[in-house]
N, C-alpha and C. Protein backbone atom coordinates (compact mmCIF):
# COMPACT_ATOMS: atom_id res chain seq x y z
N MET A 1 39.86 0.14 -4.24
CA MET A 1 38.50 0.28 -4.38
C MET A 1 38.14 1.24 -5.74
N VAL A 2 37.55 0.36 -6.71
CA VAL A 2 37.47 1.30 -8.08
C VAL A 2 35.87 1.78 -8.03
N THR A 3 35.84 2.86 -8.51
CA THR A 3 34.72 3.69 -8.67
C THR A 3 34.22 3.86 -10.07
N LEU A 4 32.87 3.61 -10.45
CA LEU A 4 32.70 3.71 -11.85
C LEU A 4 31.45 4.88 -11.84
N GLY A 5 31.58 5.63 -12.83
CA GLY A 5 30.25 6.55 -12.95
C GLY A 5 29.01 6.00 -13.27
N LYS A 6 28.04 6.60 -13.13
CA LYS A 6 26.63 6.01 -13.71
C LYS A 6 26.62 5.72 -14.99
N SER A 7 26.88 6.47 -15.61
CA SER A 7 27.02 5.72 -17.14
C SER A 7 27.91 4.54 -17.40
N ARG A 8 28.81 4.37 -16.97
CA ARG A 8 29.54 3.19 -17.03
C ARG A 8 28.87 1.96 -16.45
N VAL A 9 28.15 2.31 -15.39
CA VAL A 9 27.69 1.07 -14.96
C VAL A 9 26.64 0.56 -15.65
N ARG A 10 25.65 1.73 -16.22
CA ARG A 10 24.65 1.46 -17.15
C ARG A 10 25.16 0.66 -18.50
N ALA A 11 26.32 1.20 -18.86
CA ALA A 11 26.62 0.38 -19.99
C ALA A 11 27.03 -1.16 -19.67
N LEU A 12 27.72 -1.23 -18.59
CA LEU A 12 28.22 -2.57 -18.27
C LEU A 12 26.92 -3.40 -18.13
N GLY A 13 25.86 -2.64 -17.39
CA GLY A 13 24.57 -3.52 -17.14
C GLY A 13 23.88 -3.91 -18.49
N LEU A 14 24.01 -3.06 -19.32
CA LEU A 14 23.36 -3.28 -20.96
C LEU A 14 24.41 -4.26 -21.54
N LEU A 15 25.72 -4.41 -21.58
CA LEU A 15 26.66 -5.28 -22.03
C LEU A 15 26.43 -6.80 -21.44
N VAL A 16 26.03 -6.76 -20.23
CA VAL A 16 25.78 -8.05 -19.62
C VAL A 16 24.35 -8.58 -20.00
N LEU A 17 23.20 -7.67 -20.13
CA LEU A 17 22.22 -8.19 -20.56
C LEU A 17 21.87 -8.43 -22.13
N LEU A 18 22.73 -7.85 -23.09
CA LEU A 18 22.89 -8.21 -24.32
C LEU A 18 23.62 -9.49 -24.84
N GLY A 19 24.64 -9.59 -23.85
CA GLY A 19 25.61 -10.82 -24.28
C GLY A 19 26.52 -10.51 -25.44
N ALA A 20 26.99 -11.61 -26.04
CA ALA A 20 27.96 -11.51 -26.87
C ALA A 20 27.17 -11.03 -28.22
N SER A 21 25.76 -11.54 -28.47
CA SER A 21 25.34 -11.38 -29.75
C SER A 21 24.71 -9.83 -29.85
N GLY A 22 24.85 -9.16 -28.92
CA GLY A 22 24.34 -7.76 -29.08
C GLY A 22 22.77 -7.44 -29.22
N THR A 23 22.14 -8.66 -28.96
CA THR A 23 20.61 -8.46 -29.04
C THR A 23 19.79 -8.49 -27.85
N LEU A 24 18.68 -8.10 -27.58
CA LEU A 24 17.85 -8.58 -26.62
C LEU A 24 17.47 -9.74 -26.68
N PRO A 25 17.38 -10.53 -25.60
CA PRO A 25 16.36 -11.98 -25.66
C PRO A 25 15.26 -11.90 -26.00
N ARG A 26 14.67 -12.99 -26.97
CA ARG A 26 13.45 -12.84 -27.12
C ARG A 26 12.51 -13.60 -26.27
N VAL A 27 11.83 -12.90 -25.59
CA VAL A 27 10.90 -13.55 -24.60
C VAL A 27 9.61 -12.89 -24.78
N PRO A 28 8.62 -13.85 -24.99
CA PRO A 28 7.06 -13.53 -25.34
C PRO A 28 6.60 -12.92 -24.17
N VAL A 29 5.82 -11.74 -24.24
CA VAL A 29 5.43 -11.13 -23.05
C VAL A 29 4.11 -11.18 -23.21
N ARG A 30 3.00 -11.51 -22.64
CA ARG A 30 1.59 -11.76 -22.62
C ARG A 30 1.00 -10.47 -21.75
N ALA A 31 -0.02 -9.95 -22.20
CA ALA A 31 -0.66 -8.80 -21.48
C ALA A 31 -1.06 -9.60 -20.02
N ASP A 32 -1.47 -10.76 -19.97
CA ASP A 32 -1.48 -11.28 -18.64
C ASP A 32 -0.36 -11.15 -17.44
N ASP A 33 0.86 -11.33 -18.15
CA ASP A 33 1.98 -11.20 -17.41
C ASP A 33 2.31 -9.79 -16.65
N LEU A 34 1.59 -8.69 -17.34
CA LEU A 34 1.79 -7.17 -16.89
C LEU A 34 0.77 -7.00 -15.89
N ARG A 35 -0.03 -7.67 -16.06
CA ARG A 35 -1.26 -7.21 -14.90
C ARG A 35 -0.90 -7.66 -13.47
N PRO A 36 -0.86 -6.84 -12.51
CA PRO A 36 -0.58 -7.18 -11.03
C PRO A 36 -1.41 -8.60 -10.70
N LYS A 37 -0.92 -9.46 -9.84
CA LYS A 37 -1.38 -10.61 -9.27
C LYS A 37 -2.01 -10.35 -7.94
N VAL A 38 -2.00 -9.09 -7.37
CA VAL A 38 -2.63 -8.87 -6.28
C VAL A 38 -3.20 -7.24 -6.33
N VAL A 39 -4.56 -7.12 -6.27
CA VAL A 39 -4.97 -5.82 -6.59
C VAL A 39 -5.67 -5.19 -5.07
N LEU A 40 -5.23 -4.27 -4.89
CA LEU A 40 -5.97 -3.53 -3.72
C LEU A 40 -6.89 -2.38 -4.08
N THR A 41 -8.12 -2.51 -3.70
CA THR A 41 -9.13 -1.52 -4.15
C THR A 41 -9.60 -0.64 -3.11
N LEU A 42 -9.94 0.45 -2.89
CA LEU A 42 -10.46 1.39 -1.89
C LEU A 42 -12.11 1.29 -2.47
N ASP A 43 -12.82 0.63 -1.89
CA ASP A 43 -14.27 0.65 -2.18
C ASP A 43 -15.01 1.77 -1.62
N GLY A 44 -14.56 2.25 -0.58
CA GLY A 44 -15.16 3.65 -0.03
C GLY A 44 -14.48 3.90 1.44
N ALA A 45 -14.84 5.38 1.42
CA ALA A 45 -14.10 6.01 2.64
C ALA A 45 -14.76 7.15 3.32
N THR A 46 -14.86 7.17 4.62
CA THR A 46 -15.34 8.17 5.43
C THR A 46 -14.59 8.91 6.13
N ALA A 47 -14.62 10.12 6.67
CA ALA A 47 -13.83 10.87 7.32
C ALA A 47 -14.91 11.72 8.37
N GLU A 48 -14.56 11.68 9.71
CA GLU A 48 -15.17 12.34 10.78
C GLU A 48 -14.26 12.93 11.69
N ARG A 49 -14.53 14.13 12.02
CA ARG A 49 -13.89 15.22 12.66
C ARG A 49 -13.89 14.86 14.20
N TRP A 50 -13.19 14.70 15.00
CA TRP A 50 -13.50 14.51 16.22
C TRP A 50 -13.08 15.79 17.24
N GLY A 51 -13.61 15.85 18.45
CA GLY A 51 -13.61 17.23 19.24
C GLY A 51 -12.32 17.66 19.22
N HIS A 52 -10.97 17.00 19.20
CA HIS A 52 -9.82 17.35 19.90
C HIS A 52 -9.05 17.68 18.60
N GLY A 53 -9.91 17.48 17.34
CA GLY A 53 -8.96 17.93 16.11
C GLY A 53 -8.52 16.68 15.01
N ASP A 54 -8.41 15.52 15.66
CA ASP A 54 -8.26 14.35 14.94
C ASP A 54 -9.24 14.13 13.79
N ILE A 55 -8.85 13.54 13.02
CA ILE A 55 -10.04 12.89 11.87
C ILE A 55 -9.79 11.41 11.89
N LEU A 56 -10.85 10.74 12.04
CA LEU A 56 -10.82 9.51 11.89
C LEU A 56 -11.47 9.13 10.77
N PHE A 57 -10.49 8.48 9.70
CA PHE A 57 -11.08 7.74 8.36
C PHE A 57 -11.16 6.41 8.47
N GLU A 58 -12.40 6.05 7.84
CA GLU A 58 -12.56 4.58 7.76
C GLU A 58 -12.51 4.22 6.17
N CYS A 59 -11.73 3.33 6.09
CA CYS A 59 -11.74 2.85 4.68
C CYS A 59 -12.29 1.40 4.43
N ARG A 60 -13.07 1.19 3.42
CA ARG A 60 -13.29 -0.31 3.16
C ARG A 60 -12.54 -0.70 1.88
N LEU A 61 -11.83 -1.87 2.08
CA LEU A 61 -10.89 -2.33 1.04
C LEU A 61 -11.54 -3.73 0.47
N SER A 62 -10.94 -3.94 -0.73
CA SER A 62 -11.25 -5.34 -1.05
C SER A 62 -9.94 -5.44 -1.52
N LEU A 63 -9.20 -6.78 -1.43
CA LEU A 63 -8.08 -7.27 -1.92
C LEU A 63 -8.27 -8.42 -2.81
N GLU A 64 -7.74 -8.48 -3.96
CA GLU A 64 -8.00 -9.62 -5.06
C GLU A 64 -6.81 -10.24 -5.13
N ASN A 65 -6.67 -11.48 -4.66
CA ASN A 65 -5.67 -12.27 -4.68
C ASN A 65 -5.83 -13.28 -5.89
N GLN A 66 -4.82 -12.93 -7.12
CA GLN A 66 -4.84 -13.61 -8.25
C GLN A 66 -3.78 -14.34 -8.56
N THR A 67 -2.89 -14.64 -7.62
CA THR A 67 -1.62 -15.55 -7.74
C THR A 67 -1.80 -17.00 -7.65
N GLY A 68 -2.91 -17.57 -7.40
CA GLY A 68 -2.97 -19.00 -7.90
C GLY A 68 -3.03 -19.71 -6.45
N ALA A 69 -2.51 -18.82 -5.54
CA ALA A 69 -2.19 -19.43 -3.97
C ALA A 69 -2.22 -18.57 -2.94
N GLU A 70 -2.77 -19.30 -1.76
CA GLU A 70 -2.78 -18.26 -0.75
C GLU A 70 -1.77 -17.74 -0.26
N LEU A 71 -1.95 -16.22 0.15
CA LEU A 71 -0.75 -15.64 0.78
C LEU A 71 -0.81 -15.69 2.27
N LYS A 72 0.51 -15.92 2.73
CA LYS A 72 0.40 -16.05 4.32
C LYS A 72 1.34 -14.59 4.60
N VAL A 73 0.72 -13.99 5.48
CA VAL A 73 1.11 -12.68 5.72
C VAL A 73 1.52 -12.73 7.03
N ARG A 74 2.59 -11.95 7.63
CA ARG A 74 3.19 -12.26 9.05
C ARG A 74 2.85 -10.79 9.46
N SER A 75 2.48 -10.71 10.64
CA SER A 75 2.40 -9.52 11.42
C SER A 75 2.60 -9.81 13.02
N ASN A 76 2.98 -8.73 13.65
CA ASN A 76 3.04 -8.64 15.07
C ASN A 76 1.87 -7.90 15.69
N PHE A 77 1.06 -7.60 14.97
CA PHE A 77 -0.15 -7.10 15.26
C PHE A 77 -1.30 -7.78 14.97
N PHE A 78 -2.39 -7.54 14.45
CA PHE A 78 -3.78 -8.23 14.26
C PHE A 78 -4.41 -8.75 13.02
N SER A 79 -3.83 -8.22 11.75
CA SER A 79 -4.35 -8.61 10.75
C SER A 79 -3.62 -8.64 9.34
N ALA A 80 -3.62 -9.14 8.51
CA ALA A 80 -3.13 -9.24 7.19
C ALA A 80 -2.80 -7.99 6.50
N PHE A 81 -3.70 -6.85 6.81
CA PHE A 81 -3.65 -5.21 6.23
C PHE A 81 -2.63 -4.62 7.18
N ASP A 82 -1.87 -5.32 8.15
CA ASP A 82 -1.13 -4.26 9.16
C ASP A 82 -0.03 -3.72 8.35
N GLY A 83 0.43 -3.84 7.23
CA GLY A 83 1.37 -3.32 6.48
C GLY A 83 1.04 -2.18 5.50
N MET A 84 -0.17 -1.76 5.75
CA MET A 84 -0.97 -0.53 5.12
C MET A 84 -0.72 0.84 5.47
N SER A 85 -0.68 1.75 4.88
CA SER A 85 -0.82 3.18 5.44
C SER A 85 -1.74 3.85 4.60
N LEU A 86 -2.21 5.01 5.43
CA LEU A 86 -3.30 5.76 4.62
C LEU A 86 -2.47 7.05 4.37
N VAL A 87 -2.57 7.17 3.13
CA VAL A 87 -1.89 8.48 2.42
C VAL A 87 -2.93 9.62 2.40
N VAL A 88 -2.75 10.68 2.95
CA VAL A 88 -3.68 11.84 2.99
C VAL A 88 -2.99 12.99 2.43
N LEU A 89 -4.03 13.34 1.04
CA LEU A 89 -3.74 14.39 0.26
C LEU A 89 -4.49 15.55 0.45
N ASP A 90 -3.97 16.72 -0.08
CA ASP A 90 -5.02 17.94 -0.14
C ASP A 90 -5.67 18.15 -1.50
N GLU A 91 -6.37 18.72 -1.65
CA GLU A 91 -7.34 18.89 -2.86
C GLU A 91 -6.24 18.86 -4.11
N GLY A 92 -5.06 19.49 -3.85
CA GLY A 92 -4.00 19.90 -5.05
C GLY A 92 -3.25 18.70 -5.02
N ASP A 93 -3.45 17.58 -4.38
CA ASP A 93 -2.68 16.34 -4.49
C ASP A 93 -1.05 16.40 -3.71
N LYS A 94 -1.21 17.31 -2.72
CA LYS A 94 0.10 17.43 -1.90
C LYS A 94 0.01 16.52 -0.86
N GLU A 95 1.01 15.76 -0.44
CA GLU A 95 0.77 14.70 0.74
C GLU A 95 1.08 15.83 1.78
N LEU A 96 -0.06 15.36 2.71
CA LEU A 96 -0.25 15.99 3.97
C LEU A 96 -0.06 14.97 5.08
N LYS A 97 0.19 13.58 5.20
CA LYS A 97 0.19 12.77 5.84
C LYS A 97 0.30 11.37 5.49
N ARG A 98 1.27 10.63 6.18
CA ARG A 98 1.39 9.18 5.74
C ARG A 98 1.17 8.41 6.91
N GLN A 99 0.20 7.95 7.43
CA GLN A 99 0.17 7.17 8.89
C GLN A 99 -0.09 5.81 8.63
N PRO A 100 0.55 4.69 9.31
CA PRO A 100 0.59 3.72 9.30
C PRO A 100 -0.60 3.09 9.86
N TYR A 101 -1.40 1.89 9.46
CA TYR A 101 -2.55 1.19 9.96
C TYR A 101 -2.07 0.90 11.37
N THR A 102 -0.82 0.42 11.64
CA THR A 102 -0.59 0.20 13.02
C THR A 102 -0.32 1.35 13.92
N TYR A 103 -0.18 2.39 13.67
CA TYR A 103 -0.17 3.82 14.20
C TYR A 103 -0.63 3.55 15.54
N HIS A 104 -1.91 3.37 15.75
CA HIS A 104 -2.81 3.31 16.95
C HIS A 104 -2.91 2.04 17.80
N GLN A 105 -1.96 1.14 17.33
CA GLN A 105 -2.26 -0.06 17.96
C GLN A 105 -0.89 -0.63 18.60
N SER A 106 -1.42 -1.63 19.88
CA SER A 106 -0.32 -2.15 20.43
C SER A 106 -0.06 -3.46 19.82
N PRO A 107 1.00 -3.90 19.78
CA PRO A 107 1.47 -5.20 19.44
C PRO A 107 0.80 -6.13 19.86
N HIS A 108 0.72 -7.60 19.04
CA HIS A 108 0.17 -8.52 19.84
C HIS A 108 1.13 -9.37 20.67
N SER A 109 2.46 -9.20 19.79
CA SER A 109 3.78 -9.81 20.31
C SER A 109 4.54 -9.02 19.76
N PHE A 110 5.90 -8.93 20.29
CA PHE A 110 7.30 -8.23 20.18
C PHE A 110 8.09 -9.25 19.69
N LEU A 111 7.92 -10.79 20.12
CA LEU A 111 8.75 -11.63 19.93
C LEU A 111 8.80 -12.29 18.39
N GLU A 112 7.33 -12.86 18.27
CA GLU A 112 7.21 -13.68 16.76
C GLU A 112 5.96 -12.80 16.65
N GLY A 113 5.78 -12.86 15.06
CA GLY A 113 4.68 -12.44 14.51
C GLY A 113 3.63 -13.77 14.30
N ARG A 114 2.41 -13.16 14.04
CA ARG A 114 1.48 -14.23 13.75
C ARG A 114 1.33 -14.20 12.24
N GLU A 115 0.59 -15.53 11.69
CA GLU A 115 0.58 -15.73 10.20
C GLU A 115 -1.25 -15.47 9.88
N PHE A 116 -1.31 -14.80 8.97
CA PHE A 116 -2.57 -14.54 8.38
C PHE A 116 -2.63 -14.76 7.19
N VAL A 117 -3.82 -15.56 6.55
CA VAL A 117 -3.99 -16.19 5.42
C VAL A 117 -4.97 -15.33 4.64
N LEU A 118 -4.28 -15.06 3.21
CA LEU A 118 -5.17 -14.44 2.40
C LEU A 118 -5.73 -15.48 1.32
N PRO A 119 -6.74 -15.77 1.25
CA PRO A 119 -7.21 -16.90 0.26
C PRO A 119 -6.89 -16.38 -0.98
N THR A 120 -6.92 -17.17 -2.29
CA THR A 120 -7.13 -16.80 -3.60
C THR A 120 -8.57 -16.31 -3.66
N GLY A 121 -8.76 -15.25 -4.60
CA GLY A 121 -10.03 -14.41 -4.67
C GLY A 121 -9.90 -13.24 -3.96
N LYS A 122 -11.23 -12.81 -3.65
CA LYS A 122 -11.57 -11.62 -2.87
C LYS A 122 -11.51 -11.62 -1.36
N SER A 123 -10.85 -10.65 -0.59
CA SER A 123 -10.91 -10.57 0.86
C SER A 123 -11.42 -9.19 1.04
N ALA A 124 -12.06 -8.72 2.13
CA ALA A 124 -12.51 -7.50 2.35
C ALA A 124 -12.10 -7.57 3.73
N ALA A 125 -11.91 -5.90 3.98
CA ALA A 125 -11.67 -5.28 5.33
C ALA A 125 -11.65 -3.89 5.49
N ARG A 126 -11.95 -3.51 6.73
CA ARG A 126 -12.38 -2.24 7.18
C ARG A 126 -11.39 -1.87 8.00
N LEU A 127 -10.43 -0.79 7.59
CA LEU A 127 -9.39 -0.21 8.19
C LEU A 127 -10.09 1.25 8.80
N VAL A 128 -9.56 1.38 9.89
CA VAL A 128 -9.82 2.75 10.57
C VAL A 128 -8.45 3.44 10.98
N PHE A 129 -8.19 4.89 10.67
CA PHE A 129 -7.21 5.55 10.83
C PHE A 129 -7.44 6.90 11.58
N PRO A 130 -7.19 6.75 12.95
CA PRO A 130 -7.21 8.16 13.48
C PRO A 130 -6.07 9.31 13.14
N VAL A 131 -6.12 10.23 12.52
CA VAL A 131 -5.30 10.88 12.05
C VAL A 131 -4.98 12.39 12.81
N PRO A 132 -3.98 12.72 13.47
CA PRO A 132 -3.82 13.92 14.03
C PRO A 132 -3.24 14.97 12.97
N GLY A 133 -3.29 16.16 13.37
CA GLY A 133 -2.53 17.23 12.85
C GLY A 133 -2.84 17.56 11.26
N LEU A 134 -3.97 17.39 11.01
CA LEU A 134 -4.49 17.78 9.50
C LEU A 134 -5.00 19.35 9.61
N PRO A 135 -5.23 19.98 8.78
CA PRO A 135 -5.99 21.31 8.75
C PRO A 135 -7.18 21.48 9.17
N ARG A 136 -7.16 22.04 10.15
CA ARG A 136 -8.74 22.27 10.63
C ARG A 136 -9.73 22.84 9.63
N GLU A 137 -9.46 23.55 8.88
CA GLU A 137 -10.31 24.47 8.12
C GLU A 137 -10.83 23.70 6.87
N ALA A 138 -9.80 22.29 6.68
CA ALA A 138 -10.22 21.60 5.48
C ALA A 138 -11.59 20.66 5.72
N THR A 139 -12.20 20.75 4.61
CA THR A 139 -13.60 19.97 4.71
C THR A 139 -13.44 18.73 3.86
N THR A 140 -12.46 18.54 2.85
CA THR A 140 -12.27 17.53 1.79
C THR A 140 -10.73 17.23 1.89
N PHE A 141 -10.54 15.85 1.82
CA PHE A 141 -9.28 15.53 1.70
C PHE A 141 -9.34 14.48 0.67
N ARG A 142 -8.21 13.82 0.08
CA ARG A 142 -8.24 12.93 -0.98
C ARG A 142 -7.10 11.82 -0.23
N VAL A 143 -7.58 10.40 -0.15
CA VAL A 143 -6.86 9.59 0.32
C VAL A 143 -6.52 8.23 -0.57
N GLN A 144 -5.67 7.56 -0.28
CA GLN A 144 -5.30 6.28 -0.93
C GLN A 144 -4.58 5.53 0.28
N VAL A 145 -4.73 4.13 0.11
CA VAL A 145 -4.21 3.03 1.12
C VAL A 145 -3.06 2.78 0.10
N ALA A 146 -1.92 2.48 0.83
CA ALA A 146 -0.89 1.52 0.17
C ALA A 146 -0.03 1.23 1.41
N GLY A 147 0.85 -0.04 0.66
CA GLY A 147 1.70 -0.77 1.60
C GLY A 147 2.00 -2.03 0.72
N THR A 148 2.42 -3.12 1.84
CA THR A 148 2.94 -4.31 1.57
C THR A 148 2.36 -5.38 2.45
N LEU A 149 2.59 -6.59 1.81
CA LEU A 149 2.18 -7.67 2.40
C LEU A 149 3.16 -8.61 3.04
N PRO A 150 3.98 -7.93 4.53
CA PRO A 150 4.80 -8.66 4.97
C PRO A 150 4.83 -10.25 5.06
N GLY A 151 6.02 -10.65 4.54
CA GLY A 151 6.55 -11.96 4.91
C GLY A 151 5.49 -13.02 3.69
N SER A 152 4.89 -12.60 3.10
CA SER A 152 3.97 -13.33 1.83
C SER A 152 4.84 -13.81 0.87
N GLY A 153 5.91 -13.17 0.77
CA GLY A 153 6.59 -13.41 -0.46
C GLY A 153 6.37 -12.68 -1.75
N TYR A 154 4.79 -11.70 -1.76
CA TYR A 154 4.82 -10.76 -2.67
C TYR A 154 5.28 -9.80 -2.76
N GLU A 155 6.20 -9.42 -3.55
CA GLU A 155 7.17 -8.09 -3.39
C GLU A 155 6.65 -6.93 -3.85
N PRO A 156 5.90 -6.75 -4.88
CA PRO A 156 5.56 -5.37 -5.48
C PRO A 156 4.76 -4.86 -4.33
N GLY A 157 4.94 -3.50 -4.22
CA GLY A 157 3.88 -2.72 -2.95
C GLY A 157 2.50 -2.58 -3.82
N LEU A 158 1.67 -2.41 -2.86
CA LEU A 158 0.14 -2.40 -3.51
C LEU A 158 -0.22 -0.84 -3.12
N ALA A 159 -0.93 -0.41 -3.91
CA ALA A 159 -1.69 0.95 -3.85
C ALA A 159 -3.29 1.18 -4.21
N THR A 160 -4.06 1.67 -3.61
CA THR A 160 -5.27 1.98 -3.99
C THR A 160 -5.25 3.22 -5.23
N ARG A 161 -6.24 3.33 -5.84
CA ARG A 161 -6.39 4.67 -6.58
C ARG A 161 -6.94 5.67 -5.48
N VAL A 162 -6.48 6.96 -5.63
CA VAL A 162 -7.02 7.94 -4.73
C VAL A 162 -8.22 8.23 -4.84
N ARG A 163 -9.06 8.69 -3.68
CA ARG A 163 -10.45 8.78 -3.60
C ARG A 163 -10.81 10.12 -2.73
N ALA A 164 -11.63 11.11 -3.11
CA ALA A 164 -11.90 12.28 -2.35
C ALA A 164 -12.89 11.50 -1.46
N VAL A 165 -12.50 12.17 0.05
CA VAL A 165 -13.75 12.00 1.04
C VAL A 165 -13.82 13.52 1.53
N ARG A 166 -15.20 13.48 2.14
CA ARG A 166 -15.36 14.80 2.53
C ARG A 166 -15.55 14.43 4.04
N VAL A 167 -14.91 15.55 4.99
CA VAL A 167 -15.10 15.47 6.50
C VAL A 167 -16.58 15.93 7.07
N LYS A 168 -17.00 15.06 8.01
CA LYS A 168 -18.05 15.55 8.56
C LYS A 168 -18.10 15.58 10.23
N ALA A 169 -18.64 16.53 10.63
CA ALA A 169 -18.32 16.90 12.17
C ALA A 169 -18.89 15.79 12.94
N LYS A 170 -18.28 15.41 14.14
CA LYS A 170 -18.73 14.19 14.93
C LYS A 170 -19.95 14.29 15.07
N GLY A 171 -20.74 13.13 15.24
CA GLY A 171 -22.23 13.11 15.49
C GLY A 171 -23.14 13.34 14.48
N ARG A 172 -22.59 13.88 13.24
CA ARG A 172 -23.54 13.96 12.26
C ARG A 172 -23.95 12.89 11.42
């Protein structure tokens, strides 16, 4: 077995890319090519502390499918958004918790997933995340929703911008 160092692997990769001419191929790149074809937006978020200490985060999302075709997402659970997770940060942007949307759900089926269609254009969703183990003294968190669209063929991961959310006591 031959072992190559990282620098030799990079040099070999560059040589393959450049080819015999020693120049990069000329491929026109348009600004539209650099924009994501699917955009996930966190339109709003609320947080409510429950009696036993868990915090219930409710996130209103929109997903803009600009691929030109519907996306078919597969899940053993209940929605096209089952591949998403809530990322909870403190006010200094230290990650406190990353919790999958399916954390509190039971699967619809263990054997085969179902297909959920995301049409072109905008789709809206409301995701609720009960999150245990966050600091009881904290009154504000910063949240982000991030994840994938499993089985859709759309490979890049998705992530919203981070948004601050104030925790209210249950029943207020």
